[in-house]
N, C-alpha and C. Protein backbone atom coordinates (compact mmCIF):
# COMPACT_ATOMS: atom_id res chain seq x y z
N PRO A 1 22.45 -76.39 -36.01
CA PRO A 1 22.45 -77.76 -35.87
C PRO A 1 22.65 -78.16 -34.36
N GLN A 2 22.10 -79.17 -33.86
CA GLN A 2 22.15 -79.61 -32.44
C GLN A 2 23.62 -79.68 -32.01
N ASP A 3 24.58 -80.01 -32.61
CA ASP A 3 25.86 -80.41 -32.14
C ASP A 3 26.67 -78.98 -32.01
N LYS A 4 26.05 -77.83 -32.37
CA LYS A 4 26.65 -76.53 -32.35
C LYS A 4 25.95 -75.82 -31.12
N ILE A 5 24.87 -76.22 -30.54
CA ILE A 5 24.35 -75.73 -29.49
C ILE A 5 24.97 -76.18 -28.06
N HIS A 6 25.40 -74.81 -27.35
CA HIS A 6 26.05 -75.25 -25.99
C HIS A 6 25.07 -75.88 -25.09
N ALA A 7 25.92 -76.75 -24.00
CA ALA A 7 25.04 -77.42 -23.15
C ALA A 7 24.11 -76.49 -22.27
N TRP A 8 24.59 -75.11 -22.11
CA TRP A 8 24.02 -74.32 -20.94
C TRP A 8 22.68 -73.69 -22.01
N ALA A 9 22.61 -73.93 -23.12
CA ALA A 9 21.56 -73.26 -23.82
C ALA A 9 20.42 -74.15 -23.88
N TYR A 10 18.96 -73.76 -23.50
CA TYR A 10 17.82 -74.31 -23.41
C TYR A 10 17.19 -73.80 -24.94
N TRP A 11 17.10 -74.69 -25.63
CA TRP A 11 16.72 -74.40 -27.06
C TRP A 11 15.33 -75.08 -27.74
N PRO A 12 14.49 -74.41 -28.22
CA PRO A 12 14.41 -72.95 -28.40
C PRO A 12 13.89 -72.26 -27.02
N PRO A 13 14.22 -71.04 -26.92
CA PRO A 13 13.68 -70.37 -25.76
C PRO A 13 12.24 -70.29 -25.63
N SER A 14 11.76 -70.26 -24.49
CA SER A 14 10.33 -69.89 -24.19
C SER A 14 9.85 -68.52 -24.41
N LEU A 15 8.56 -68.40 -24.87
CA LEU A 15 8.27 -67.08 -25.15
C LEU A 15 7.97 -66.43 -23.76
N LYS A 16 8.10 -65.06 -23.61
CA LYS A 16 8.02 -64.45 -22.34
C LYS A 16 6.93 -63.22 -22.62
N PRO A 17 6.19 -63.03 -21.55
CA PRO A 17 5.26 -61.82 -21.80
C PRO A 17 5.74 -60.45 -22.00
N ASP A 18 4.84 -59.56 -22.57
CA ASP A 18 5.39 -58.19 -22.76
C ASP A 18 5.76 -57.59 -21.48
N PRO A 19 7.08 -56.97 -21.52
CA PRO A 19 7.58 -56.34 -20.02
C PRO A 19 6.79 -55.25 -19.48
N GLY A 20 5.77 -54.55 -20.33
CA GLY A 20 5.26 -53.44 -19.80
C GLY A 20 5.05 -52.12 -20.80
N ASN A 21 4.61 -51.17 -20.22
CA ASN A 21 4.33 -50.02 -21.24
C ASN A 21 5.72 -49.29 -21.68
N ALA A 22 5.43 -48.46 -22.97
CA ALA A 22 6.51 -47.56 -23.45
C ALA A 22 6.87 -46.48 -22.27
N PRO A 23 8.24 -46.10 -22.40
CA PRO A 23 8.63 -45.12 -21.42
C PRO A 23 7.76 -43.79 -21.43
N SER A 24 7.72 -43.12 -20.25
CA SER A 24 6.72 -42.04 -20.48
C SER A 24 7.59 -40.75 -20.88
N GLN A 25 8.94 -40.67 -20.90
CA GLN A 25 9.68 -39.61 -21.53
C GLN A 25 10.05 -39.98 -23.09
N PRO A 26 9.95 -39.16 -23.86
CA PRO A 26 10.52 -39.20 -25.14
C PRO A 26 12.08 -39.53 -25.34
N GLY A 27 12.45 -40.13 -26.35
CA GLY A 27 13.92 -40.33 -26.59
C GLY A 27 14.35 -39.53 -27.72
N ILE A 28 15.50 -39.76 -28.26
CA ILE A 28 15.95 -39.12 -29.31
C ILE A 28 16.40 -40.09 -30.60
N GLY A 29 16.06 -39.89 -31.72
CA GLY A 29 16.48 -40.50 -32.88
C GLY A 29 15.79 -41.86 -32.90
N GLU A 30 16.46 -42.80 -33.32
CA GLU A 30 15.89 -44.17 -33.75
C GLU A 30 16.53 -45.29 -32.80
N ILE A 31 15.82 -46.28 -32.51
CA ILE A 31 16.28 -47.54 -31.84
C ILE A 31 16.03 -48.60 -32.82
N TRP A 32 17.19 -49.33 -33.11
CA TRP A 32 17.19 -50.40 -33.90
C TRP A 32 17.27 -51.63 -33.05
N LEU A 33 16.26 -52.53 -32.91
CA LEU A 33 16.09 -53.68 -32.04
C LEU A 33 16.13 -54.88 -32.79
N ASP A 34 16.95 -55.98 -32.22
CA ASP A 34 16.90 -57.24 -32.99
C ASP A 34 15.82 -58.06 -32.18
N ALA A 35 14.92 -58.52 -33.09
CA ALA A 35 13.87 -59.57 -32.74
C ALA A 35 14.39 -60.76 -33.01
N GLN A 36 15.30 -61.43 -32.35
CA GLN A 36 16.08 -62.58 -32.73
C GLN A 36 15.33 -63.83 -33.07
N PHE A 37 14.14 -64.02 -32.22
CA PHE A 37 13.36 -65.27 -32.23
C PHE A 37 11.98 -65.05 -32.99
N GLN A 38 11.89 -63.93 -33.41
CA GLN A 38 10.37 -63.51 -34.11
C GLN A 38 10.33 -64.37 -35.42
N LYS A 39 9.19 -65.08 -35.43
CA LYS A 39 8.84 -65.98 -36.60
C LYS A 39 8.19 -65.11 -37.61
N VAL A 40 8.64 -65.11 -38.80
CA VAL A 40 8.19 -64.39 -39.95
C VAL A 40 7.55 -65.30 -41.00
N GLU A 41 6.12 -64.99 -41.24
CA GLU A 41 5.32 -65.87 -42.34
C GLU A 41 6.17 -65.93 -43.44
N GLY A 42 6.48 -66.91 -44.18
CA GLY A 42 7.15 -67.13 -45.49
C GLY A 42 8.52 -67.08 -45.39
N LYS A 43 9.14 -66.85 -44.28
CA LYS A 43 10.69 -67.00 -43.95
C LYS A 43 11.09 -68.00 -43.15
N GLU A 44 12.13 -68.85 -43.76
CA GLU A 44 12.55 -69.95 -43.17
C GLU A 44 13.22 -69.79 -41.76
N LYS A 45 14.20 -68.82 -41.53
CA LYS A 45 14.74 -68.91 -40.36
C LYS A 45 14.06 -67.58 -39.55
N PRO A 46 14.06 -67.64 -38.19
CA PRO A 46 13.58 -66.57 -37.45
C PRO A 46 14.43 -65.30 -37.35
N GLY A 47 13.83 -64.30 -37.09
CA GLY A 47 14.27 -63.08 -36.83
C GLY A 47 14.05 -61.87 -37.87
N ALA A 48 13.99 -60.62 -37.19
CA ALA A 48 13.76 -59.29 -37.80
C ALA A 48 14.33 -58.34 -37.05
N ILE A 49 14.36 -57.20 -37.68
CA ILE A 49 14.89 -55.93 -37.00
C ILE A 49 13.73 -55.00 -36.84
N ILE A 50 13.50 -54.45 -35.67
CA ILE A 50 12.45 -53.50 -35.32
C ILE A 50 12.99 -52.15 -35.25
N VAL A 51 12.64 -51.19 -36.10
CA VAL A 51 12.99 -49.73 -36.06
C VAL A 51 12.14 -48.96 -35.32
N ILE A 52 12.40 -48.31 -34.18
CA ILE A 52 11.40 -47.55 -33.30
C ILE A 52 11.86 -45.94 -33.23
N ASN A 53 10.91 -45.07 -33.46
CA ASN A 53 11.13 -43.63 -33.16
C ASN A 53 11.02 -43.45 -31.85
N ALA A 54 12.08 -42.92 -31.30
CA ALA A 54 12.29 -42.88 -29.74
C ALA A 54 11.46 -41.58 -29.32
N SER A 55 11.02 -40.65 -30.21
CA SER A 55 10.49 -39.43 -29.83
C SER A 55 9.06 -39.73 -29.30
N ASN A 56 8.46 -40.83 -29.91
CA ASN A 56 7.20 -41.35 -29.46
C ASN A 56 7.00 -42.70 -29.25
N TRP A 57 8.08 -43.52 -29.30
CA TRP A 57 8.01 -44.76 -29.04
C TRP A 57 7.18 -45.70 -30.02
N GLN A 58 7.08 -45.28 -31.30
CA GLN A 58 6.02 -45.93 -32.12
C GLN A 58 7.15 -46.86 -33.08
N ILE A 59 6.69 -47.93 -33.77
CA ILE A 59 7.39 -48.78 -34.66
C ILE A 59 7.42 -48.05 -35.94
N ILE A 60 8.49 -47.79 -36.41
CA ILE A 60 8.64 -47.10 -37.77
C ILE A 60 8.46 -48.12 -39.00
N LYS A 61 9.30 -49.21 -38.77
CA LYS A 61 9.22 -50.45 -39.87
C LYS A 61 9.95 -51.65 -39.17
N THR A 62 9.48 -52.67 -39.68
CA THR A 62 10.03 -53.95 -39.30
C THR A 62 10.67 -54.37 -40.56
N ILE A 63 12.02 -54.97 -40.42
CA ILE A 63 12.83 -55.45 -41.47
C ILE A 63 12.89 -56.88 -41.44
N THR A 64 12.23 -57.65 -42.34
CA THR A 64 12.11 -59.10 -42.36
C THR A 64 12.92 -59.62 -43.51
N GLU A 65 14.14 -58.96 -43.89
CA GLU A 65 14.88 -59.61 -44.90
C GLU A 65 15.09 -61.17 -44.83
N GLU A 66 15.01 -61.94 -45.86
CA GLU A 66 15.03 -63.16 -46.02
C GLU A 66 16.29 -63.78 -45.34
N THR A 67 17.57 -63.19 -45.55
CA THR A 67 18.77 -63.77 -45.22
C THR A 67 19.05 -63.44 -43.70
N LEU A 68 18.22 -62.67 -43.05
CA LEU A 68 18.25 -62.61 -41.38
C LEU A 68 18.12 -63.87 -40.93
N ASN A 69 19.19 -64.30 -40.04
CA ASN A 69 19.07 -65.79 -39.47
C ASN A 69 19.38 -65.66 -38.03
N ASN A 70 18.40 -65.30 -37.06
CA ASN A 70 18.77 -65.15 -35.71
C ASN A 70 19.77 -63.76 -35.44
N PRO A 71 19.18 -62.69 -35.93
CA PRO A 71 19.91 -61.44 -35.90
C PRO A 71 20.08 -61.11 -34.42
N HIS A 72 21.37 -61.11 -34.10
CA HIS A 72 21.72 -61.00 -32.59
C HIS A 72 22.22 -59.71 -31.99
N ASN A 73 22.90 -58.92 -32.97
CA ASN A 73 23.42 -57.77 -32.35
C ASN A 73 23.79 -56.59 -33.55
N ILE A 74 23.53 -55.47 -33.32
CA ILE A 74 23.69 -54.50 -34.46
C ILE A 74 24.21 -53.24 -34.18
N TRP A 75 25.09 -52.79 -35.04
CA TRP A 75 25.90 -51.55 -34.75
C TRP A 75 26.06 -50.59 -35.77
N PRO A 76 25.87 -49.27 -35.77
CA PRO A 76 26.03 -48.29 -36.93
C PRO A 76 27.37 -48.27 -37.51
N ILE A 77 27.59 -47.93 -38.70
CA ILE A 77 28.80 -47.71 -39.32
C ILE A 77 28.70 -46.79 -40.30
N LYS A 78 29.84 -46.08 -40.60
CA LYS A 78 29.87 -45.04 -41.71
C LYS A 78 28.87 -43.72 -41.54
N ASN A 79 29.24 -43.28 -40.24
CA ASN A 79 28.24 -42.10 -39.72
C ASN A 79 26.90 -42.60 -39.89
N VAL A 80 26.66 -43.53 -39.47
CA VAL A 80 25.22 -44.15 -39.34
C VAL A 80 24.65 -44.10 -40.52
N THR A 81 25.29 -44.37 -41.84
CA THR A 81 24.44 -44.47 -43.03
C THR A 81 24.21 -45.90 -43.25
N ASN A 82 24.73 -46.68 -42.59
CA ASN A 82 24.50 -48.19 -42.77
C ASN A 82 24.68 -48.93 -41.21
N MET A 83 23.93 -49.89 -41.19
CA MET A 83 24.06 -50.62 -39.88
C MET A 83 24.48 -51.95 -40.34
N LEU A 84 25.38 -52.65 -39.25
CA LEU A 84 26.18 -53.95 -39.44
C LEU A 84 25.41 -54.98 -38.57
N GLN A 85 24.84 -55.81 -38.98
CA GLN A 85 24.07 -56.86 -38.25
C GLN A 85 24.46 -58.22 -38.27
N THR A 86 24.75 -58.71 -37.02
CA THR A 86 25.12 -60.08 -37.06
C THR A 86 24.06 -61.07 -37.27
N ASN A 87 24.37 -62.35 -37.73
CA ASN A 87 23.34 -63.35 -37.99
C ASN A 87 23.93 -64.68 -37.14
N TRP A 88 23.44 -64.80 -35.81
CA TRP A 88 24.08 -65.70 -35.01
C TRP A 88 24.14 -67.12 -35.48
N PHE A 89 23.13 -67.52 -36.26
CA PHE A 89 23.13 -68.95 -36.72
C PHE A 89 23.64 -69.02 -38.16
N ALA A 90 24.22 -68.08 -38.68
CA ALA A 90 24.86 -68.16 -40.04
C ALA A 90 26.21 -67.80 -40.12
N GLU A 91 26.88 -67.64 -41.32
CA GLU A 91 28.26 -67.54 -41.35
C GLU A 91 28.60 -65.94 -41.80
N TYR A 92 27.60 -65.17 -41.65
CA TYR A 92 27.83 -63.66 -42.32
C TYR A 92 27.16 -62.55 -41.43
N VAL A 93 27.69 -61.38 -41.78
CA VAL A 93 26.88 -60.27 -40.99
C VAL A 93 26.32 -59.56 -42.25
N SER A 94 25.27 -58.91 -42.07
CA SER A 94 24.48 -58.08 -42.94
C SER A 94 24.76 -56.69 -42.77
N VAL A 95 24.81 -55.99 -44.12
CA VAL A 95 24.84 -54.48 -43.92
C VAL A 95 23.53 -54.03 -44.49
N PHE A 96 22.78 -52.98 -43.50
CA PHE A 96 21.68 -52.40 -44.11
C PHE A 96 21.77 -51.04 -44.23
N ASP A 97 21.07 -50.50 -45.13
CA ASP A 97 21.05 -48.90 -45.48
C ASP A 97 20.05 -48.60 -44.24
N SER A 98 20.59 -47.48 -43.32
CA SER A 98 19.98 -47.10 -42.32
C SER A 98 18.57 -46.20 -42.54
N GLY A 99 18.55 -45.55 -43.77
CA GLY A 99 17.49 -44.73 -44.28
C GLY A 99 16.36 -45.57 -44.75
N SER A 100 16.74 -46.53 -45.74
CA SER A 100 15.45 -47.24 -46.32
C SER A 100 15.28 -48.76 -45.74
N GLY A 101 16.36 -49.23 -44.78
CA GLY A 101 16.29 -50.52 -44.42
C GLY A 101 16.44 -51.49 -45.28
N ARG A 102 16.99 -51.17 -46.32
CA ARG A 102 17.33 -52.27 -47.43
C ARG A 102 18.66 -52.87 -47.17
N LEU A 103 18.75 -54.31 -47.57
CA LEU A 103 19.94 -54.90 -47.60
C LEU A 103 20.95 -54.36 -48.61
N VAL A 104 22.19 -54.09 -48.05
CA VAL A 104 23.15 -53.58 -49.09
C VAL A 104 24.04 -54.70 -49.38
N ASP A 105 24.51 -55.65 -48.39
CA ASP A 105 25.35 -56.64 -48.52
C ASP A 105 25.49 -57.70 -47.34
N ASN A 106 25.85 -58.78 -47.66
CA ASN A 106 26.13 -59.69 -46.73
C ASN A 106 27.74 -60.03 -46.53
N ILE A 107 28.46 -60.10 -45.51
CA ILE A 107 29.78 -60.16 -45.56
C ILE A 107 30.12 -61.54 -44.71
N ARG A 108 30.74 -62.50 -45.50
CA ARG A 108 31.05 -63.76 -44.58
C ARG A 108 32.31 -63.51 -43.61
N VAL A 109 31.98 -63.84 -42.45
CA VAL A 109 32.87 -63.75 -41.44
C VAL A 109 33.48 -65.10 -40.62
N GLY A 110 32.38 -66.16 -40.88
CA GLY A 110 32.78 -67.47 -40.14
C GLY A 110 31.41 -67.73 -39.40
N GLU A 111 31.55 -68.97 -39.04
CA GLU A 111 30.35 -69.73 -38.09
C GLU A 111 30.03 -68.85 -37.02
N SER A 112 28.68 -68.44 -36.75
CA SER A 112 28.07 -67.84 -35.68
C SER A 112 28.68 -66.52 -35.23
N PRO A 113 28.51 -65.61 -36.15
CA PRO A 113 28.83 -64.04 -35.65
C PRO A 113 27.96 -63.66 -34.72
N ALA A 114 28.35 -63.26 -33.43
CA ALA A 114 27.56 -62.92 -32.36
C ALA A 114 27.42 -61.50 -32.11
N HIS A 115 28.54 -60.78 -31.87
CA HIS A 115 28.37 -59.28 -31.50
C HIS A 115 29.25 -58.32 -32.47
N VAL A 116 28.97 -57.10 -32.69
CA VAL A 116 29.84 -56.42 -33.47
C VAL A 116 29.88 -54.92 -32.96
N MET A 117 31.05 -54.32 -32.97
CA MET A 117 31.46 -52.86 -32.43
C MET A 117 32.35 -52.26 -33.33
N THR A 118 32.28 -51.04 -33.67
CA THR A 118 33.33 -50.29 -34.52
C THR A 118 34.41 -49.67 -33.65
N SER A 119 35.69 -49.41 -34.22
CA SER A 119 36.63 -48.67 -33.49
C SER A 119 36.14 -47.12 -33.44
N PRO A 120 36.67 -46.47 -32.38
CA PRO A 120 36.36 -44.98 -32.15
C PRO A 120 36.41 -44.26 -33.34
N ASP A 121 37.46 -44.38 -34.35
CA ASP A 121 37.43 -43.61 -35.60
C ASP A 121 36.50 -44.09 -36.77
N GLY A 122 35.76 -45.36 -36.44
CA GLY A 122 34.87 -45.77 -37.46
C GLY A 122 35.42 -46.49 -38.79
N LYS A 123 36.75 -46.62 -38.71
CA LYS A 123 37.17 -47.25 -39.73
C LYS A 123 37.15 -48.94 -39.86
N GLU A 124 37.08 -49.43 -38.58
CA GLU A 124 37.10 -50.88 -38.49
C GLU A 124 35.88 -51.36 -37.74
N ALA A 125 35.53 -52.55 -38.02
CA ALA A 125 34.38 -53.08 -37.22
C ALA A 125 34.82 -54.43 -36.66
N TYR A 126 34.74 -54.93 -35.51
CA TYR A 126 35.18 -56.12 -34.94
C TYR A 126 34.07 -57.05 -34.43
N VAL A 127 33.96 -58.22 -35.06
CA VAL A 127 32.86 -59.11 -35.04
C VAL A 127 33.39 -60.38 -34.27
N THR A 128 32.71 -60.70 -33.11
CA THR A 128 33.16 -61.95 -32.45
C THR A 128 32.50 -62.99 -33.26
N VAL A 129 33.27 -64.02 -33.76
CA VAL A 129 32.79 -65.33 -34.42
C VAL A 129 32.85 -66.28 -33.62
N GLN A 130 31.89 -66.73 -32.79
CA GLN A 130 31.70 -67.46 -31.70
C GLN A 130 32.04 -69.00 -32.06
N GLY A 131 31.61 -69.42 -33.33
CA GLY A 131 31.59 -70.84 -33.76
C GLY A 131 33.12 -71.13 -34.32
N GLU A 132 34.03 -70.02 -34.38
CA GLU A 132 35.37 -70.44 -34.89
C GLU A 132 36.40 -69.90 -33.88
N ASP A 133 35.98 -69.29 -32.78
CA ASP A 133 36.89 -68.78 -31.72
C ASP A 133 37.86 -67.67 -32.35
N GLU A 134 37.28 -66.68 -33.02
CA GLU A 134 37.97 -65.66 -33.53
C GLU A 134 37.37 -64.20 -33.62
N ILE A 135 37.97 -63.30 -33.80
CA ILE A 135 37.37 -61.96 -34.13
C ILE A 135 37.72 -61.56 -35.55
N ALA A 136 36.68 -61.23 -36.12
CA ALA A 136 36.79 -60.79 -37.55
C ALA A 136 36.82 -59.25 -37.48
N ILE A 137 37.81 -58.65 -38.32
CA ILE A 137 38.06 -57.40 -38.54
C ILE A 137 37.71 -56.89 -39.86
N ILE A 138 36.60 -56.03 -39.89
CA ILE A 138 35.97 -55.48 -41.14
C ILE A 138 36.40 -54.09 -41.38
N ASP A 139 36.81 -53.91 -42.72
CA ASP A 139 37.07 -52.57 -43.15
C ASP A 139 35.70 -51.97 -43.47
N THR A 140 35.29 -50.86 -42.71
CA THR A 140 33.85 -50.47 -43.01
C THR A 140 33.74 -49.55 -44.26
N GLU A 141 34.91 -49.20 -44.89
CA GLU A 141 34.92 -48.49 -46.21
C GLU A 141 34.68 -49.39 -47.35
N THR A 142 35.38 -50.56 -47.37
CA THR A 142 35.21 -51.53 -48.25
C THR A 142 34.30 -52.70 -48.01
N LEU A 143 33.67 -52.58 -46.79
CA LEU A 143 32.78 -53.65 -46.40
C LEU A 143 33.48 -55.00 -46.70
N SER A 144 34.60 -55.32 -46.33
CA SER A 144 35.27 -56.74 -46.47
C SER A 144 36.17 -57.05 -45.36
N VAL A 145 36.42 -58.32 -45.01
CA VAL A 145 37.17 -58.68 -44.02
C VAL A 145 38.69 -58.29 -44.13
N LYS A 146 39.37 -57.71 -43.40
CA LYS A 146 40.74 -57.51 -43.69
C LYS A 146 41.57 -58.32 -42.80
N GLY A 147 41.03 -59.15 -41.84
CA GLY A 147 41.96 -59.83 -40.94
C GLY A 147 41.16 -60.55 -39.96
N LYS A 148 41.77 -61.60 -39.15
CA LYS A 148 41.03 -62.31 -38.06
C LYS A 148 42.13 -62.48 -37.05
N VAL A 149 41.55 -62.33 -35.80
CA VAL A 149 42.34 -62.66 -34.70
C VAL A 149 41.87 -63.98 -34.00
N GLY A 150 42.82 -64.97 -33.76
CA GLY A 150 42.28 -66.22 -33.25
C GLY A 150 42.18 -65.98 -31.56
N MET A 151 41.23 -66.78 -31.20
CA MET A 151 40.94 -66.51 -29.50
C MET A 151 41.01 -68.11 -28.98
N PRO A 152 41.19 -68.08 -27.88
CA PRO A 152 41.50 -69.37 -27.07
C PRO A 152 40.27 -69.98 -26.78
N HIS A 153 39.19 -69.31 -26.78
CA HIS A 153 37.81 -69.87 -26.36
C HIS A 153 36.79 -69.35 -27.21
N SER A 154 35.68 -69.63 -26.90
CA SER A 154 34.31 -69.16 -27.78
C SER A 154 33.97 -67.88 -27.21
N THR A 155 34.17 -66.88 -28.24
CA THR A 155 33.92 -65.35 -28.08
C THR A 155 32.58 -64.93 -28.13
N HIS A 156 31.97 -64.08 -27.42
CA HIS A 156 30.85 -63.65 -27.63
C HIS A 156 30.49 -62.26 -27.63
N GLY A 157 30.19 -61.69 -26.32
CA GLY A 157 30.13 -60.21 -26.43
C GLY A 157 31.52 -59.51 -26.12
N HIS A 158 31.61 -58.31 -26.74
CA HIS A 158 32.86 -57.57 -26.46
C HIS A 158 32.62 -55.99 -26.49
N TRP A 159 33.73 -55.36 -25.86
CA TRP A 159 33.64 -53.80 -25.84
C TRP A 159 34.85 -53.32 -25.93
N LEU A 160 35.17 -52.21 -26.73
CA LEU A 160 36.17 -51.40 -26.89
C LEU A 160 36.48 -50.30 -25.97
N ASP A 161 37.54 -49.83 -25.57
CA ASP A 161 37.56 -48.64 -24.71
C ASP A 161 37.50 -47.45 -25.58
N GLU A 162 37.52 -46.30 -25.00
CA GLU A 162 37.12 -45.06 -25.88
C GLU A 162 38.27 -44.59 -26.84
N LYS A 163 39.56 -45.22 -26.53
CA LYS A 163 40.63 -45.02 -27.45
C LYS A 163 40.95 -46.09 -28.36
N GLY A 164 40.10 -46.97 -28.54
CA GLY A 164 40.40 -48.33 -29.42
C GLY A 164 41.58 -49.06 -29.08
N GLU A 165 42.09 -49.05 -27.87
CA GLU A 165 43.39 -49.74 -27.45
C GLU A 165 43.22 -50.93 -26.69
N ARG A 166 42.18 -51.19 -26.01
CA ARG A 166 41.81 -52.32 -25.44
C ARG A 166 40.44 -53.03 -25.62
N MET A 167 40.11 -54.29 -25.56
CA MET A 167 39.01 -54.88 -26.00
C MET A 167 38.96 -55.90 -24.88
N ALA A 168 37.64 -55.87 -24.28
CA ALA A 168 37.21 -56.99 -23.28
C ALA A 168 36.41 -57.98 -24.10
N VAL A 169 36.57 -59.20 -24.00
CA VAL A 169 35.75 -60.12 -24.81
C VAL A 169 35.29 -61.18 -23.75
N ALA A 170 33.82 -61.42 -23.62
CA ALA A 170 33.27 -62.37 -22.82
C ALA A 170 33.53 -63.76 -23.57
N ILE A 171 33.74 -64.83 -22.64
CA ILE A 171 33.86 -66.08 -23.31
C ILE A 171 32.74 -67.03 -22.64
N THR A 172 32.10 -67.47 -23.52
CA THR A 172 30.72 -68.26 -23.24
C THR A 172 31.06 -69.52 -22.73
N ASP A 173 32.01 -70.15 -22.91
CA ASP A 173 32.34 -71.52 -22.41
C ASP A 173 33.24 -71.43 -21.20
N LEU A 174 33.47 -70.26 -20.52
CA LEU A 174 34.01 -70.14 -19.20
C LEU A 174 33.14 -68.88 -18.47
N PRO A 175 32.14 -69.45 -18.00
CA PRO A 175 31.06 -68.41 -17.38
C PRO A 175 31.94 -67.58 -16.26
N GLY A 176 31.54 -66.30 -16.40
CA GLY A 176 32.05 -65.22 -15.59
C GLY A 176 33.65 -64.93 -15.91
N ARG A 177 34.12 -65.25 -16.98
CA ARG A 177 35.49 -64.88 -17.31
C ARG A 177 35.32 -64.10 -18.63
N LEU A 178 36.54 -63.23 -18.82
CA LEU A 178 36.77 -62.52 -19.99
C LEU A 178 38.11 -62.53 -20.34
N ILE A 179 38.41 -62.16 -21.41
CA ILE A 179 39.83 -61.82 -21.94
C ILE A 179 39.95 -60.40 -22.34
N VAL A 180 41.02 -59.76 -21.92
CA VAL A 180 41.28 -58.29 -22.29
C VAL A 180 42.32 -58.35 -23.35
N LEU A 181 42.37 -57.91 -24.61
CA LEU A 181 43.09 -57.77 -25.74
C LEU A 181 43.76 -56.19 -25.87
N GLU A 182 45.01 -56.17 -26.10
CA GLU A 182 45.46 -54.83 -26.34
C GLU A 182 46.08 -54.63 -27.71
N LYS A 183 45.64 -53.69 -28.38
CA LYS A 183 46.31 -53.14 -29.62
C LYS A 183 47.60 -52.62 -29.56
N LYS A 184 48.36 -53.13 -30.42
CA LYS A 184 49.73 -52.68 -30.41
C LYS A 184 50.09 -51.59 -31.39
N GLY A 185 50.47 -50.31 -30.96
CA GLY A 185 50.70 -49.21 -32.09
C GLY A 185 49.67 -49.07 -33.07
N GLY A 186 50.01 -49.01 -34.25
CA GLY A 186 49.13 -48.84 -35.53
C GLY A 186 48.67 -50.00 -36.07
N VAL A 187 49.25 -51.22 -35.66
CA VAL A 187 48.75 -52.55 -36.08
C VAL A 187 47.50 -52.90 -35.89
N VAL A 188 46.96 -53.33 -37.06
CA VAL A 188 45.36 -53.69 -36.79
C VAL A 188 45.10 -54.79 -35.90
N SER A 189 46.01 -55.98 -35.85
CA SER A 189 45.55 -56.93 -35.10
C SER A 189 45.92 -56.72 -33.54
N PHE A 190 45.17 -57.56 -32.73
CA PHE A 190 45.22 -57.52 -31.41
C PHE A 190 46.00 -58.57 -30.87
N HIS A 191 46.55 -58.57 -29.72
CA HIS A 191 47.33 -59.69 -29.04
C HIS A 191 46.77 -59.91 -27.64
N GLY A 192 46.79 -61.21 -27.13
CA GLY A 192 46.20 -61.47 -25.88
C GLY A 192 47.26 -62.31 -25.06
N PRO A 193 46.77 -62.84 -23.98
CA PRO A 193 47.50 -63.63 -23.10
C PRO A 193 48.01 -64.93 -24.06
N GLU A 194 49.36 -65.62 -23.92
CA GLU A 194 49.62 -66.60 -24.36
C GLU A 194 48.96 -67.79 -23.85
N GLU A 195 48.52 -67.66 -22.57
CA GLU A 195 47.90 -68.82 -22.10
C GLU A 195 46.93 -68.20 -21.15
N GLU A 196 45.82 -69.26 -20.87
CA GLU A 196 44.75 -68.84 -19.68
C GLU A 196 45.46 -68.63 -18.38
N LYS A 197 45.01 -67.55 -17.57
CA LYS A 197 45.44 -67.34 -16.36
C LYS A 197 44.51 -67.59 -15.31
């Protein structure tokens, strides 16, 4: 909806030309790429996931699941047997089987899930829920939301340190700013500053 679009966003984005040729060096494994604005015939909302073989840079498959709605960020979970996909213009993240590319489940997290990343031990996934100023915590074993952390501003991209003790969160309505959260002991929830500094 127009009232959900930030003033800084020019929507819809203009199409850009192909950036160039495939890399000359082979890679390893697969690359799962979000084509957030790709229009798919017969599908109401834009977006697809393109899976690329990094050894030869060829497309293996394109996932055009009907429930994909502006897929924005993707992350492997459960020893890479599943992929967790945000749907930026929806209220859920999608779980895809990494082998078949089939939809496993949709997990409701709240309005506008933007980015996702797992904890170093792989037991939790953290999803920034931009439209509700929250971070949703997903149990990667049960594929369910186990908690939420309120944030003072619109959260978007985030990154955990290698121990899973600190998280840096980009704030879209405060350009150039981020919030750093710290995890307390074994408690699942994070805490941040009481007020903006």
